[in-house]
Amino acid sequence: MERTSDEAAATIEVRDVHKRFGSTRALDGMTFDVRPGQVTGFVGPNGAGKSTTMRVILGLDRPDRGAALVGGRPYRDLRTPLKHIGALLDAASVQPSRTARHHLLWLAHSQGLDARRVDEVLRQVGLHDVARRRAGGFSLGMRQRLGIAAALLGDPPVVMLDEPFNGLDPEGFVWIRSFLASLAEQGRAVLVSSHLMSELQDSADHVVVVGRGQVVADMSVRELLESVSRGRVTLRTSARTDAMTLLARAGATVTSTGADTIGVTGLPAETVVSLLGANAVPFSEVSEHRASLEEAYMELTRDAVQFRGVVPEEAGR
């Protein structure tokens, strides 16, 4: 289907991007899209290429090969970039002696935006009451909110946030989940990199998993969790031997996991219940295994070890 101009504007396209830093291969054919109307999680082990990819998207690093496009254009071709893509890469990158409002005013003036827009985004991220406080006295969570406010200044169709959950208190976690969902509901393309898998599982619609500078998985969170769960079933029964024999004959792979529990793969839970009932094998529990995003991530990136000689922006990521 052909995309509308609004849909095309709200996209990030990363196409076969390669990047080396000396002898270190940071990106090795990175390819994925970030589509409008959804939150895309961006995850991978340290040195996988997440930070370098984000820097390439923002024109901070030039790829050796391939291209990264925002709304169909390279970042360097955007005359007022904050109106096309808003980004938070480092919450600490704020002049500490400036107030929150003055920090945003400085950015706004560079893009032809007025003070009214600054006050709007301060209210949007919950910093309006501390707008005239110096940013150097802010907690990490408050600096995260300030960085998100800066990303929203130009009301961009694309938003890219690196580790936005860091430093937030429980109230902040609830706020940012709702906030990310609202951005997607407005039709924006949202790319979020994070190590907090539990938060991404509750926030993201889609996930791009990377390792060794390449995409390992690119699918909806639901599809990823289903693929990792693989129809695993836990069965609790007082007739363990009878149940294992019956299910093995039906084609399942069965494993004893406790005195009265069995792990079953290869048969859906409904079939397990039907077989046990038809053969009068007693049981007290049949439950399908539901993988977490963290479990899926660990399985997919098990072999995606960190590159040697990690470049500075990838260290600790």
C-alpha atoms as a PDB file:
ATOM      1  CA  MET A   1       0.000   0.000   0.000  1.00  0.00           C
ATOM      2  CA  GLU A   2       1.279   3.465  -0.883  1.00  0.00           C
ATOM      3  CA  ARG A   3       1.914   5.641   2.145  1.00  0.00           C
ATOM      4  CA  THR A   4       0.398   9.104   2.541  1.00  0.00           C
ATOM      5  CA  SER A   5       2.722  12.104   2.842  1.00  0.00           C
ATOM      6  CA  ASP A   6       1.986  12.330   6.579  1.00  0.00           C
ATOM      7  CA  GLU A   7       2.822   8.651   7.071  1.00  0.00           C
ATOM      8  CA  ALA A   8       6.007   8.993   5.036  1.00  0.00           C
ATOM      9  CA  ALA A   9       7.075  11.986   7.154  1.00  0.00           C
ATOM     10  CA  ALA A  10       6.648   9.958  10.346  1.00  0.00           C
ATOM     11  CA  THR A  11       9.211   7.250   9.595  1.00  0.00           C
ATOM     12  CA  ILE A  12      12.804   6.295  10.250  1.00  0.00           C
ATOM     13  CA  GLU A  13      14.380   4.090   7.592  1.00  0.00           C
ATOM     14  CA  VAL A  14      17.741   2.457   8.240  1.00  0.00           C
ATOM     15  CA  ARG A  15      19.053   0.756   5.120  1.00  0.00           C
ATOM     16  CA  ASP A  16      22.106  -1.564   5.032  1.00  0.00           C
ATOM     17  CA  VAL A  17      24.176   0.727   7.251  1.00  0.00           C
ATOM     18  CA  HIS A  18      27.818  -0.216   7.772  1.00  0.00           C
ATOM     19  CA  LYS A  19      30.169   1.669  10.076  1.00  0.00           C
ATOM     20  CA  ARG A  20      33.714   1.057  11.282  1.00  0.00           C
ATOM     21  CA  PHE A  21      35.763   2.916  13.839  1.00  0.00           C
ATOM     22  CA  GLY A  22      39.309   1.936  12.939  1.00  0.00           C
ATOM     23  CA  SER A  23      39.463  -1.845  13.192  1.00  0.00           C
ATOM     24  CA  THR A  24      36.154  -2.022  15.084  1.00  0.00           C
ATOM     25  CA  ARG A  25      33.062  -2.971  13.109  1.00  0.00           C
ATOM     26  CA  ALA A  26      30.205  -1.155  14.847  1.00  0.00           C
ATOM     27  CA  LEU A  27      27.441  -1.670  12.274  1.00  0.00           C
ATOM     28  CA  ASP A  28      27.301  -4.519   9.776  1.00  0.00           C
ATOM     29  CA  GLY A  29      24.329  -4.026   7.475  1.00  0.00           C
ATOM     30  CA  MET A  30      21.868  -2.584  10.010  1.00  0.00           C
ATOM     31  CA  THR A  31      18.415  -2.472   8.395  1.00  0.00           C
ATOM     32  CA  PHE A  32      15.010  -1.713   9.934  1.00  0.00           C
ATOM     33  CA  ASP A  33      12.103   0.739   9.846  1.00  0.00           C
ATOM     34  CA  VAL A  34      10.339   2.691  12.573  1.00  0.00           C
ATOM     35  CA  ARG A  35       6.721   3.184  11.523  1.00  0.00           C
ATOM     36  CA  PRO A  36       4.139   5.767  12.568  1.00  0.00           C
ATOM     37  CA  GLY A  37       1.512   4.994  15.156  1.00  0.00           C
ATOM     38  CA  GLN A  38       3.590   2.635  17.275  1.00  0.00           C
ATOM     39  CA  VAL A  39       6.328   2.552  19.897  1.00  0.00           C
ATOM     40  CA  THR A  40       9.323   0.558  18.650  1.00  0.00           C
ATOM     41  CA  GLY A  41      11.681  -0.807  21.281  1.00  0.00           C
ATOM     42  CA  PHE A  42      15.358  -0.887  20.299  1.00  0.00           C
ATOM     43  CA  VAL A  43      17.360  -3.408  22.338  1.00  0.00           C
ATOM     44  CA  GLY A  44      20.626  -5.295  22.270  1.00  0.00           C
ATOM     45  CA  PRO A  45      23.669  -6.107  24.425  1.00  0.00           C
ATOM     46  CA  ASN A  46      26.521  -3.699  25.082  1.00  0.00           C
ATOM     47  CA  GLY A  47      28.382  -2.971  21.872  1.00  0.00           C
ATOM     48  CA  ALA A  48      25.536  -4.205  19.656  1.00  0.00           C
ATOM     49  CA  GLY A  49      25.370  -0.925  17.712  1.00  0.00           C
ATOM     50  CA  LYS A  50      22.377   0.857  19.250  1.00  0.00           C
ATOM     51  CA  SER A  51      24.076   4.152  20.066  1.00  0.00           C
ATOM     52  CA  THR A  52      25.987   4.229  16.787  1.00  0.00           C
ATOM     53  CA  THR A  53      22.754   3.619  14.867  1.00  0.00           C
ATOM     54  CA  MET A  54      21.043   6.497  16.653  1.00  0.00           C
ATOM     55  CA  ARG A  55      24.001   8.756  15.983  1.00  0.00           C
ATOM     56  CA  VAL A  56      23.907   7.816  12.283  1.00  0.00           C
ATOM     57  CA  ILE A  57      20.180   8.627  12.155  1.00  0.00           C
ATOM     58  CA  LEU A  58      20.928  12.069  13.624  1.00  0.00           C
ATOM     59  CA  GLY A  59      23.857  12.717  11.293  1.00  0.00           C
ATOM     60  CA  LEU A  60      26.393  12.676  14.144  1.00  0.00           C
ATOM     61  CA  ASP A  61      28.251   9.745  12.574  1.00  0.00           C
ATOM     62  CA  ARG A  62      28.561   9.238   8.822  1.00  0.00           C
ATOM     63  CA  PRO A  63      28.019   5.645   7.658  1.00  0.00           C
ATOM     64  CA  ASP A  64      30.648   3.978   5.514  1.00  0.00           C
ATOM     65  CA  ARG A  65      27.836   2.482   3.460  1.00  0.00           C
ATOM     66  CA  GLY A  66      24.056   2.584   3.464  1.00  0.00           C
ATOM     67  CA  ALA A  67      21.718   5.338   4.603  1.00  0.00           C
ATOM     68  CA  ALA A  68      19.478   6.420   7.471  1.00  0.00           C
ATOM     69  CA  LEU A  69      16.473   8.550   6.517  1.00  0.00           C
ATOM     70  CA  VAL A  70      13.991  10.595   8.515  1.00  0.00           C
ATOM     71  CA  GLY A  71      10.801  11.177   6.561  1.00  0.00           C
ATOM     72  CA  GLY A  72      12.605   9.994   3.449  1.00  0.00           C
ATOM     73  CA  ARG A  73      15.547  12.408   3.824  1.00  0.00           C
ATOM     74  CA  PRO A  74      18.969  12.335   5.481  1.00  0.00           C
ATOM     75  CA  TYR A  75      19.090  14.352   8.703  1.00  0.00           C
ATOM     76  CA  ARG A  76      21.627  16.771   7.219  1.00  0.00           C
ATOM     77  CA  ASP A  77      19.040  17.831   4.595  1.00  0.00           C
ATOM     78  CA  LEU A  78      16.450  18.884   7.197  1.00  0.00           C
ATOM     79  CA  ARG A  79      16.391  22.693   7.463  1.00  0.00           C
ATOM     80  CA  THR A  80      14.634  22.742  10.849  1.00  0.00           C
ATOM     81  CA  PRO A  81      15.423  19.272  12.182  1.00  0.00           C
ATOM     82  CA  LEU A  82      13.515  19.596  15.481  1.00  0.00           C
ATOM     83  CA  LYS A  83      10.317  19.873  13.452  1.00  0.00           C
ATOM     84  CA  HIS A  84      11.057  16.496  11.843  1.00  0.00           C
ATOM     85  CA  ILE A  85      12.659  14.434  14.610  1.00  0.00           C
ATOM     86  CA  GLY A  86      13.052  15.040  18.319  1.00  0.00           C
ATOM     87  CA  ALA A  87      15.741  13.068  20.107  1.00  0.00           C
ATOM     88  CA  LEU A  88      17.093  12.468  23.580  1.00  0.00           C
ATOM     89  CA  LEU A  89      20.489  10.743  23.590  1.00  0.00           C
ATOM     90  CA  ASP A  90      21.977  11.990  26.867  1.00  0.00           C
ATOM     91  CA  ALA A  91      19.923  13.553  29.651  1.00  0.00           C
ATOM     92  CA  ALA A  92      23.098  15.038  31.146  1.00  0.00           C
ATOM     93  CA  SER A  93      23.849  17.162  28.074  1.00  0.00           C
ATOM     94  CA  VAL A  94      22.420  20.388  29.474  1.00  0.00           C
ATOM     95  CA  GLN A  95      24.288  23.505  30.614  1.00  0.00           C
ATOM     96  CA  PRO A  96      23.877  23.235  34.415  1.00  0.00           C
ATOM     97  CA  SER A  97      23.751  26.996  35.077  1.00  0.00           C
ATOM     98  CA  ARG A  98      20.762  27.484  32.751  1.00  0.00           C
ATOM     99  CA  THR A  99      17.228  27.219  34.007  1.00  0.00           C
ATOM    100  CA  ALA A 100      15.034  24.584  32.413  1.00  0.00           C
ATOM    101  CA  ARG A 101      13.068  27.262  30.585  1.00  0.00           C
ATOM    102  CA  HIS A 102      16.158  29.073  29.288  1.00  0.00           C
ATOM    103  CA  HIS A 103      17.641  25.779  28.078  1.00  0.00           C
ATOM    104  CA  LEU A 104      14.524  25.152  26.017  1.00  0.00           C
ATOM    105  CA  LEU A 105      14.292  28.790  24.849  1.00  0.00           C
ATOM    106  CA  TRP A 106      17.821  28.537  23.470  1.00  0.00           C
ATOM    107  CA  LEU A 107      16.846  25.456  21.467  1.00  0.00           C
ATOM    108  CA  ALA A 108      13.513  26.936  20.416  1.00  0.00           C
ATOM    109  CA  HIS A 109      15.058  30.116  19.007  1.00  0.00           C
ATOM    110  CA  SER A 110      17.429  28.043  16.868  1.00  0.00           C
ATOM    111  CA  GLN A 111      14.394  26.481  15.177  1.00  0.00           C
ATOM    112  CA  GLY A 112      12.227  29.583  14.839  1.00  0.00           C
ATOM    113  CA  LEU A 113       9.941  28.545  17.712  1.00  0.00           C
ATOM    114  CA  ASP A 114       8.506  30.904  20.322  1.00  0.00           C
ATOM    115  CA  ALA A 115       8.322  30.941  24.121  1.00  0.00           C
ATOM    116  CA  ARG A 116       4.720  29.771  24.081  1.00  0.00           C
ATOM    117  CA  ARG A 117       5.830  26.406  22.702  1.00  0.00           C
ATOM    118  CA  VAL A 118       8.480  26.166  25.450  1.00  0.00           C
ATOM    119  CA  ASP A 119       5.837  26.610  28.131  1.00  0.00           C
ATOM    120  CA  GLU A 120       3.607  24.027  26.432  1.00  0.00           C
ATOM    121  CA  VAL A 121       6.232  21.277  26.502  1.00  0.00           C
ATOM    122  CA  LEU A 122       7.244  22.115  30.080  1.00  0.00           C
ATOM    123  CA  ARG A 123       3.644  21.523  31.128  1.00  0.00           C
ATOM    124  CA  GLN A 124       3.481  18.393  28.994  1.00  0.00           C
ATOM    125  CA  VAL A 125       6.392  16.734  30.824  1.00  0.00           C
ATOM    126  CA  GLY A 126       5.431  18.010  34.281  1.00  0.00           C
ATOM    127  CA  LEU A 127       8.237  20.566  34.749  1.00  0.00           C
ATOM    128  CA  HIS A 128       6.226  23.783  34.568  1.00  0.00           C
ATOM    129  CA  ASP A 129       6.506  24.414  38.325  1.00  0.00           C
ATOM    130  CA  VAL A 130      10.318  24.124  38.257  1.00  0.00           C
ATOM    131  CA  ALA A 131      10.857  25.875  34.924  1.00  0.00           C
ATOM    132  CA  ARG A 132      12.964  28.646  36.501  1.00  0.00           C
ATOM    133  CA  ARG A 133      15.188  26.333  38.500  1.00  0.00           C
ATOM    134  CA  ARG A 134      18.728  25.694  37.275  1.00  0.00           C
ATOM    135  CA  ALA A 135      19.073  22.383  35.507  1.00  0.00           C
ATOM    136  CA  GLY A 136      22.267  21.596  37.431  1.00  0.00           C
ATOM    137  CA  GLY A 137      20.143  20.993  40.516  1.00  0.00           C
ATOM    138  CA  PHE A 138      17.782  18.582  38.800  1.00  0.00           C
ATOM    139  CA  SER A 139      17.651  14.875  39.627  1.00  0.00           C
ATOM    140  CA  LEU A 140      18.326  12.411  36.809  1.00  0.00           C
ATOM    141  CA  GLY A 141      14.593  11.824  36.443  1.00  0.00           C
ATOM    142  CA  MET A 142      13.943  15.554  36.087  1.00  0.00           C
ATOM    143  CA  ARG A 143      16.739  15.861  33.532  1.00  0.00           C
ATOM    144  CA  GLN A 144      15.130  13.000  31.597  1.00  0.00           C
ATOM    145  CA  ARG A 145      11.869  14.953  31.511  1.00  0.00           C
ATOM    146  CA  LEU A 146      13.733  18.079  30.396  1.00  0.00           C
ATOM    147  CA  GLY A 147      15.414  16.135  27.588  1.00  0.00           C
ATOM    148  CA  ILE A 148      12.032  14.762  26.486  1.00  0.00           C
ATOM    149  CA  ALA A 149      10.630  18.302  26.520  1.00  0.00           C
ATOM    150  CA  ALA A 150      13.473  19.369  24.228  1.00  0.00           C
ATOM    151  CA  ALA A 151      12.699  16.473  21.894  1.00  0.00           C
ATOM    152  CA  LEU A 152       9.082  17.635  21.647  1.00  0.00           C
ATOM    153  CA  LEU A 153       9.790  21.313  20.991  1.00  0.00           C
ATOM    154  CA  GLY A 154       9.238  21.164  17.243  1.00  0.00           C
ATOM    155  CA  ASP A 155       6.138  18.944  17.572  1.00  0.00           C
ATOM    156  CA  PRO A 156       7.960  16.378  15.396  1.00  0.00           C
ATOM    157  CA  PRO A 157       6.330  13.356  13.735  1.00  0.00           C
ATOM    158  CA  VAL A 158       9.326  11.219  14.806  1.00  0.00           C
ATOM    159  CA  VAL A 159      10.631  10.894  18.376  1.00  0.00           C
ATOM    160  CA  MET A 160      13.774   8.950  19.372  1.00  0.00           C
ATOM    161  CA  LEU A 161      14.635   8.415  23.040  1.00  0.00           C
ATOM    162  CA  ASP A 162      17.697   6.652  24.459  1.00  0.00           C
ATOM    163  CA  GLU A 163      17.156   5.108  27.924  1.00  0.00           C
ATOM    164  CA  PRO A 164      14.275   7.446  28.896  1.00  0.00           C
ATOM    165  CA  PHE A 165      13.331   5.276  31.918  1.00  0.00           C
ATOM    166  CA  ASN A 166      16.648   5.884  33.702  1.00  0.00           C
ATOM    167  CA  GLY A 167      16.310   7.789  36.958  1.00  0.00           C
ATOM    168  CA  LEU A 168      12.523   7.816  37.028  1.00  0.00           C
ATOM    169  CA  ASP A 169      10.621   7.059  40.225  1.00  0.00           C
ATOM    170  CA  PRO A 170       7.546   4.749  40.204  1.00  0.00           C
ATOM    171  CA  GLU A 171       5.286   7.688  39.371  1.00  0.00           C
ATOM    172  CA  GLY A 172       7.644   8.551  36.519  1.00  0.00           C
ATOM    173  CA  PHE A 173       7.402   5.024  35.103  1.00  0.00           C
ATOM    174  CA  VAL A 174       3.614   5.251  35.047  1.00  0.00           C
ATOM    175  CA  TRP A 175       3.816   8.685  33.428  1.00  0.00           C
ATOM    176  CA  ILE A 176       6.229   7.714  30.656  1.00  0.00           C
ATOM    177  CA  ARG A 177       4.290   4.561  29.724  1.00  0.00           C
ATOM    178  CA  SER A 178       1.187   6.680  29.210  1.00  0.00           C
ATOM    179  CA  PHE A 179       3.211   9.398  27.510  1.00  0.00           C
ATOM    180  CA  LEU A 180       4.806   7.054  24.956  1.00  0.00           C
ATOM    181  CA  ALA A 181       1.420   5.524  24.188  1.00  0.00           C
ATOM    182  CA  SER A 182      -0.037   8.987  23.605  1.00  0.00           C
ATOM    183  CA  LEU A 183       2.743   9.865  21.147  1.00  0.00           C
ATOM    184  CA  ALA A 184       1.988   6.717  19.134  1.00  0.00           C
ATOM    185  CA  GLU A 185      -1.760   7.382  19.275  1.00  0.00           C
ATOM    186  CA  GLN A 186      -1.068  10.777  17.708  1.00  0.00           C
ATOM    187  CA  GLY A 187       0.455   8.954  14.729  1.00  0.00           C
ATOM    188  CA  ARG A 188       4.096   9.599  15.556  1.00  0.00           C
ATOM    189  CA  ALA A 189       6.902   7.108  15.007  1.00  0.00           C
ATOM    190  CA  VAL A 190       8.582   6.472  18.369  1.00  0.00           C
ATOM    191  CA  LEU A 191      11.931   4.684  18.786  1.00  0.00           C
ATOM    192  CA  VAL A 192      12.924   3.859  22.371  1.00  0.00           C
ATOM    193  CA  SER A 193      16.194   2.240  23.399  1.00  0.00           C
ATOM    194  CA  SER A 194      16.285   0.748  26.891  1.00  0.00           C
ATOM    195  CA  HIS A 195      17.803  -1.969  29.048  1.00  0.00           C
ATOM    196  CA  LEU A 196      14.653  -2.130  31.189  1.00  0.00           C
ATOM    197  CA  MET A 197      12.864  -4.975  29.433  1.00  0.00           C
ATOM    198  CA  SER A 198       9.903  -5.002  31.805  1.00  0.00           C
ATOM    199  CA  GLU A 199       9.157  -1.387  30.966  1.00  0.00           C
ATOM    200  CA  LEU A 200       9.529  -1.927  27.222  1.00  0.00           C
ATOM    201  CA  GLN A 201       7.251  -4.959  27.410  1.00  0.00           C
ATOM    202  CA  ASP A 202       4.558  -2.696  28.870  1.00  0.00           C
ATOM    203  CA  SER A 203       5.303   0.231  26.526  1.00  0.00           C
ATOM    204  CA  ALA A 204       6.385  -1.035  23.101  1.00  0.00           C
ATOM    205  CA  ASP A 205       4.211  -2.366  20.273  1.00  0.00           C
ATOM    206  CA  HIS A 206       7.143  -3.483  18.133  1.00  0.00           C
ATOM    207  CA  VAL A 207      10.732  -4.446  18.914  1.00  0.00           C
ATOM    208  CA  VAL A 208      14.005  -4.409  16.988  1.00  0.00           C
ATOM    209  CA  VAL A 209      16.628  -6.624  18.630  1.00  0.00           C
ATOM    210  CA  VAL A 210      20.220  -6.097  17.500  1.00  0.00           C
ATOM    211  CA  GLY A 211      23.504  -7.888  18.029  1.00  0.00           C
ATOM    212  CA  ARG A 212      26.958  -7.623  16.433  1.00  0.00           C
ATOM    213  CA  GLY A 213      25.827  -4.600  14.435  1.00  0.00           C
ATOM    214  CA  GLN A 214      22.963  -6.468  12.768  1.00  0.00           C
ATOM    215  CA  VAL A 215      19.234  -6.916  13.305  1.00  0.00           C
ATOM    216  CA  VAL A 216      18.491 -10.196  15.096  1.00  0.00           C
ATOM    217  CA  ALA A 217      14.698  -9.790  15.280  1.00  0.00           C
ATOM    218  CA  ASP A 218      12.221  -7.240  13.920  1.00  0.00           C
ATOM    219  CA  MET A 219       8.604  -8.004  14.861  1.00  0.00           C
ATOM    220  CA  SER A 220       5.728  -7.106  17.140  1.00  0.00           C
ATOM    221  CA  VAL A 221       6.257  -7.700  20.850  1.00  0.00           C
ATOM    222  CA  ARG A 222       3.343 -10.160  20.809  1.00  0.00           C
ATOM    223  CA  GLU A 223       4.876 -12.183  17.952  1.00  0.00           C
ATOM    224  CA  LEU A 224       8.281 -12.228  19.639  1.00  0.00           C
ATOM    225  CA  LEU A 225       6.910 -13.465  22.953  1.00  0.00           C
ATOM    226  CA  GLU A 226       4.837 -16.146  21.226  1.00  0.00           C
ATOM    227  CA  SER A 227       7.844 -17.351  19.219  1.00  0.00           C
ATOM    228  CA  VAL A 228       9.957 -17.710  22.361  1.00  0.00           C
ATOM    229  CA  SER A 229       7.188 -19.305  24.441  1.00  0.00           C
ATOM    230  CA  ARG A 230       6.995 -22.126  21.829  1.00  0.00           C
ATOM    231  CA  GLY A 231       3.867 -23.643  23.306  1.00  0.00           C
ATOM    232  CA  ARG A 232       5.551 -24.715  26.548  1.00  0.00           C
ATOM    233  CA  VAL A 233       3.119 -26.063  29.144  1.00  0.00           C
ATOM    234  CA  THR A 234       3.561 -26.773  32.843  1.00  0.00           C
ATOM    235  CA  LEU A 235       1.529 -29.692  34.222  1.00  0.00           C
ATOM    236  CA  ARG A 236       0.996 -30.467  37.904  1.00  0.00           C
ATOM    237  CA  THR A 237      -0.198 -34.020  38.572  1.00  0.00           C
ATOM    238  CA  SER A 238      -0.112 -36.709  41.258  1.00  0.00           C
ATOM    239  CA  ALA A 239       0.281 -39.335  38.508  1.00  0.00           C
ATOM    240  CA  ARG A 240       3.501 -38.032  37.014  1.00  0.00           C
ATOM    241  CA  THR A 241       4.693 -41.272  35.386  1.00  0.00           C
ATOM    242  CA  ASP A 242       1.315 -42.010  33.765  1.00  0.00           C
ATOM    243  CA  ALA A 243       1.039 -38.435  32.477  1.00  0.00           C
ATOM    244  CA  MET A 244       4.564 -38.443  31.040  1.00  0.00           C
ATOM    245  CA  THR A 245       4.002 -41.755  29.268  1.00  0.00           C
ATOM    246  CA  LEU A 246       0.660 -40.644  27.828  1.00  0.00           C
ATOM    247  CA  LEU A 247       1.908 -37.286  26.560  1.00  0.00           C
ATOM    248  CA  ALA A 248       5.139 -38.723  25.126  1.00  0.00           C
ATOM    249  CA  ARG A 249       3.114 -41.255  23.119  1.00  0.00           C
ATOM    250  CA  ALA A 250       1.032 -38.339  21.801  1.00  0.00           C
ATOM    251  CA  GLY A 251       4.203 -36.744  20.402  1.00  0.00           C
ATOM    252  CA  ALA A 252       5.097 -34.277  23.162  1.00  0.00           C
ATOM    253  CA  THR A 253       8.525 -33.749  24.652  1.00  0.00           C
ATOM    254  CA  VAL A 254       8.149 -34.147  28.414  1.00  0.00           C
ATOM    255  CA  THR A 255      10.534 -33.298  31.224  1.00  0.00           C
ATOM    256  CA  SER A 256      10.186 -33.902  34.928  1.00  0.00           C
ATOM    257  CA  THR A 257      10.599 -30.528  36.642  1.00  0.00           C
ATOM    258  CA  GLY A 258       9.592 -31.482  40.194  1.00  0.00           C
ATOM    259  CA  ALA A 259       8.010 -34.114  42.393  1.00  0.00           C
ATOM    260  CA  ASP A 260       4.601 -33.425  40.878  1.00  0.00           C
ATOM    261  CA  THR A 261       5.328 -31.147  37.902  1.00  0.00           C
ATOM    262  CA  ILE A 262       6.115 -31.829  34.251  1.00  0.00           C
ATOM    263  CA  GLY A 263       7.298 -29.548  31.476  1.00  0.00           C
ATOM    264  CA  VAL A 264       5.570 -30.246  28.160  1.00  0.00           C
ATOM    265  CA  THR A 265       6.459 -28.972  24.686  1.00  0.00           C
ATOM    266  CA  GLY A 266       4.963 -29.883  21.344  1.00  0.00           C
ATOM    267  CA  LEU A 267       1.314 -29.959  22.433  1.00  0.00           C
ATOM    268  CA  PRO A 268      -0.947 -26.994  23.198  1.00  0.00           C
ATOM    269  CA  ALA A 269      -2.501 -26.754  26.661  1.00  0.00           C
ATOM    270  CA  GLU A 270      -5.989 -27.631  25.358  1.00  0.00           C
ATOM    271  CA  THR A 271      -4.704 -30.897  23.874  1.00  0.00           C
ATOM    272  CA  VAL A 272      -2.889 -31.778  27.108  1.00  0.00           C
ATOM    273  CA  VAL A 273      -6.109 -31.252  29.095  1.00  0.00           C
ATOM    274  CA  SER A 274      -8.137 -33.282  26.586  1.00  0.00           C
ATOM    275  CA  LEU A 275      -5.707 -36.230  26.652  1.00  0.00           C
ATOM    276  CA  LEU A 276      -5.477 -36.306  30.435  1.00  0.00           C
ATOM    277  CA  GLY A 277      -9.245 -36.145  30.817  1.00  0.00           C
ATOM    278  CA  ALA A 278      -9.936 -38.829  28.208  1.00  0.00           C
ATOM    279  CA  ASN A 279      -7.507 -41.202  29.911  1.00  0.00           C
ATOM    280  CA  ALA A 280      -8.562 -40.440  33.503  1.00  0.00           C
ATOM    281  CA  VAL A 281      -5.121 -39.128  34.476  1.00  0.00           C
ATOM    282  CA  PRO A 282      -5.596 -36.728  37.414  1.00  0.00           C
ATOM    283  CA  PHE A 283      -4.101 -33.240  37.336  1.00  0.00           C
ATOM    284  CA  SER A 284      -4.470 -30.052  39.340  1.00  0.00           C
ATOM    285  CA  GLU A 285      -2.877 -27.486  37.014  1.00  0.00           C
ATOM    286  CA  VAL A 286      -2.161 -26.975  33.335  1.00  0.00           C
ATOM    287  CA  SER A 287      -0.638 -23.607  32.481  1.00  0.00           C
ATOM    288  CA  GLU A 288       0.920 -22.233  29.315  1.00  0.00           C
ATOM    289  CA  HIS A 289       4.336 -20.649  29.640  1.00  0.00           C
ATOM    290  CA  ARG A 290       4.336 -16.960  28.763  1.00  0.00           C
ATOM    291  CA  ALA A 291       7.813 -15.695  27.977  1.00  0.00           C
ATOM    292  CA  SER A 292       8.833 -12.233  29.104  1.00  0.00           C
ATOM    293  CA  LEU A 293      10.566  -9.740  26.840  1.00  0.00           C
ATOM    294  CA  GLU A 294      13.685 -10.145  28.963  1.00  0.00           C
ATOM    295  CA  GLU A 295      13.629 -13.926  28.401  1.00  0.00           C
ATOM    296  CA  ALA A 296      13.156 -13.422  24.667  1.00  0.00           C
ATOM    297  CA  TYR A 297      15.961 -10.867  24.595  1.00  0.00           C
ATOM    298  CA  MET A 298      18.373 -13.154  26.432  1.00  0.00           C
ATOM    299  CA  GLU A 299      17.642 -16.053  24.102  1.00  0.00           C
ATOM    300  CA  LEU A 300      18.010 -14.000  20.921  1.00  0.00           C
ATOM    301  CA  THR A 301      21.219 -12.254  21.979  1.00  0.00           C
ATOM    302  CA  ARG A 302      22.944 -15.199  23.665  1.00  0.00           C
ATOM    303  CA  ASP A 303      25.594 -15.309  20.939  1.00  0.00           C
ATOM    304  CA  ALA A 304      25.676 -11.565  20.251  1.00  0.00           C
ATOM    305  CA  VAL A 305      28.722 -10.855  22.368  1.00  0.00           C
ATOM    306  CA  GLN A 306      30.264  -7.440  22.516  1.00  0.00           C
ATOM    307  CA  PHE A 307      32.709  -6.475  19.769  1.00  0.00           C
ATOM    308  CA  ARG A 308      36.318  -6.039  20.725  1.00  0.00           C
ATOM    309  CA  GLY A 309      37.513  -2.471  21.024  1.00  0.00           C
ATOM    310  CA  VAL A 310      34.081  -0.952  21.611  1.00  0.00           C
ATOM    311  CA  VAL A 311      33.913   2.658  20.522  1.00  0.00           C
ATOM    312  CA  PRO A 312      33.355   5.270  23.255  1.00  0.00           C
ATOM    313  CA  GLU A 313      29.655   5.964  22.643  1.00  0.00           C
ATOM    314  CA  GLU A 314      28.915   2.230  22.873  1.00  0.00           C
ATOM    315  CA  ALA A 315      30.771   1.642  26.125  1.00  0.00           C
ATOM    316  CA  GLY A 316      28.456   0.671  28.938  1.00  0.00           C
ATOM    317  CA  ARG A 317      25.494   0.297  26.600  1.00  0.00           C
END
